[in-house]
Every structure is written in C-alpha cells, then in structure tokens.
Amino acid sequence: MTSKRKKVDTDLGAMILRNMATVMERERMKRDLTKKEMAVLCEMTNPYYFGILKGTANPSLQVITRISTNLKVPLQELMMGVKSRDGDDRPVVPPSS
C-alpha cells in the first residue's frame, strides 16, 4: 500500500495554500529569484514548491514555519495573506459560508 498525502479539501486549507502561494511568489519576484532558487531558499524540492503554487501540496506545520523563517515573513502574513497592523497578532478569520 502506498501512502499519498491527501489534497487540501477544506475551504480554510485551500485559502491558506492560495495565500501561501501568493506571498511566496511576491517574495520571489521581489528578490528576483527563479522558482528553482526560491525552492532552495525555502528548503524544499522543486516539485513540492510547484505543488504549493498549484494548490496540490499539503504542507506540514514544520514546512510552513520553515518557509516563514527563511523568507522572514510572519506566519500570519504567509498563511492569511495580510500583514499585521501595529503589532496586532489576532488571527484573521475567513467569512463563514
């Protein structure tokens, strides 16, 4: 039996992955890096990085934390796509359906 990670299947999970991809691409362009260079900076393989961009990856908390640390982007910004205002670290809650 082979073990494959399950695709993100919740609205919140999909939103977080979409925000991560947006922030990571913004940071990549700001630093003028190729996608391969960005994968190296984030300490991940190229296919895994592309999986995040496509929304098919399911990164663990350790991976998300490593991306945040290596890019020097706060977790809140990486996951929710918004910068903290005046040190306000309250989580942003997505609107309910």
Protein backbone atom coordinates (compact mmCIF):
# COMPACT_ATOMS: atom_id res chain seq x y z
CA MET A 1 0.00 0.00 0.00
CA THR A 2 1.42 3.34 -0.99
CA SER A 3 0.85 6.41 1.10
CA LYS A 4 -0.04 9.63 -0.67
CA ARG A 5 -0.81 12.86 1.06
CA LYS A 6 -4.40 13.91 0.72
CA LYS A 7 -5.11 17.05 -1.25
CA VAL A 8 -6.26 20.03 0.81
CA ASP A 9 -10.01 19.65 0.89
CA THR A 10 -11.31 22.34 3.22
CA ASP A 11 -12.14 25.91 2.34
CA LEU A 12 -9.76 27.18 5.03
CA GLY A 13 -6.97 24.86 3.88
CA ALA A 14 -7.42 25.93 0.26
CA MET A 15 -7.41 29.60 1.28
CA ILE A 16 -4.21 29.19 3.32
CA LEU A 17 -2.47 27.38 0.47
CA ARG A 18 -3.60 30.04 -2.03
CA ASN A 19 -2.32 32.80 0.27
CA MET A 20 0.99 30.99 0.78
CA ALA A 21 1.46 30.72 -2.99
CA THR A 22 0.66 34.40 -3.45
CA VAL A 23 3.06 35.55 -0.72
CA MET A 24 5.81 33.19 -1.86
CA GLU A 25 5.56 34.37 -5.46
CA ARG A 26 5.52 38.01 -4.33
CA GLU A 27 8.66 37.42 -2.27
CA ARG A 28 10.30 35.51 -5.15
CA MET A 29 9.73 38.38 -7.58
CA LYS A 30 10.80 40.97 -5.02
CA ARG A 31 14.10 39.08 -4.59
CA ASP A 32 14.45 38.49 -8.35
CA LEU A 33 14.82 34.71 -7.88
CA THR A 34 13.92 31.88 -10.21
CA LYS A 35 11.38 29.34 -8.98
CA LYS A 36 14.19 26.83 -8.51
CA GLU A 37 16.19 29.33 -6.44
CA MET A 38 13.10 30.05 -4.36
CA ALA A 39 12.61 26.33 -3.69
CA VAL A 40 16.21 26.11 -2.47
CA LEU A 41 15.74 29.18 -0.25
CA CYS A 42 12.63 27.60 1.28
CA GLU A 43 14.49 24.28 1.72
CA MET A 44 12.13 22.21 -0.41
CA THR A 45 12.23 20.31 -3.66
CA ASN A 46 11.18 21.94 -6.91
CA PRO A 47 8.15 19.64 -7.33
CA TYR A 48 6.96 20.44 -3.79
CA TYR A 49 7.32 24.17 -4.41
CA PHE A 50 5.35 23.84 -7.64
CA GLY A 51 2.74 21.83 -5.72
CA ILE A 52 2.25 24.76 -3.35
CA LEU A 53 1.86 27.12 -6.30
CA LYS A 54 -0.68 24.80 -7.96
CA GLY A 55 -2.56 24.18 -4.71
CA THR A 56 -1.91 20.44 -4.67
CA ALA A 57 0.64 20.29 -1.84
CA ASN A 58 -0.33 19.70 1.76
CA PRO A 59 2.50 21.35 3.74
CA SER A 60 3.02 20.41 7.36
CA LEU A 61 3.32 22.99 10.10
CA GLN A 62 7.09 22.41 10.07
CA VAL A 63 7.27 23.24 6.35
CA ILE A 64 5.10 26.34 6.77
CA THR A 65 7.25 27.51 9.68
CA ARG A 66 10.45 26.91 7.68
CA ILE A 67 9.09 28.95 4.76
CA SER A 68 8.10 31.77 7.12
CA THR A 69 11.52 31.76 8.80
CA ASN A 70 13.57 31.56 5.60
CA LEU A 71 11.58 34.30 3.88
CA LYS A 72 11.44 36.41 7.06
CA VAL A 73 7.68 36.71 6.59
CA PRO A 74 5.42 36.45 9.67
CA LEU A 75 3.30 33.30 9.80
CA GLN A 76 0.12 35.37 9.81
CA GLU A 77 1.12 37.08 6.59
CA LEU A 78 2.21 33.83 4.95
CA MET A 79 -0.95 31.93 5.85
CA MET A 80 -3.60 34.64 5.79
CA GLY A 81 -2.09 36.96 3.21
CA VAL A 82 -2.32 40.07 5.40
CA LYS A 83 0.32 41.99 7.24
CA SER A 84 -0.08 42.58 10.95
CA ARG A 85 -1.16 46.12 11.76
CA ASP A 86 0.59 47.82 14.67
CA GLY A 87 1.66 44.52 16.20
CA ASP A 88 -1.90 43.18 16.18
CA ASP A 89 -1.36 39.42 16.09
CA ARG A 90 -5.00 38.37 16.21
CA PRO A 91 -5.81 35.76 13.56
CA VAL A 92 -7.86 36.76 10.59
CA VAL A 93 -11.00 34.62 10.45
CA PRO A 94 -12.38 33.88 6.99
CA PRO A 95 -16.05 34.72 6.42
CA SER A 96 -18.39 31.82 7.09
CA SER A 97 -20.32 30.34 4.21
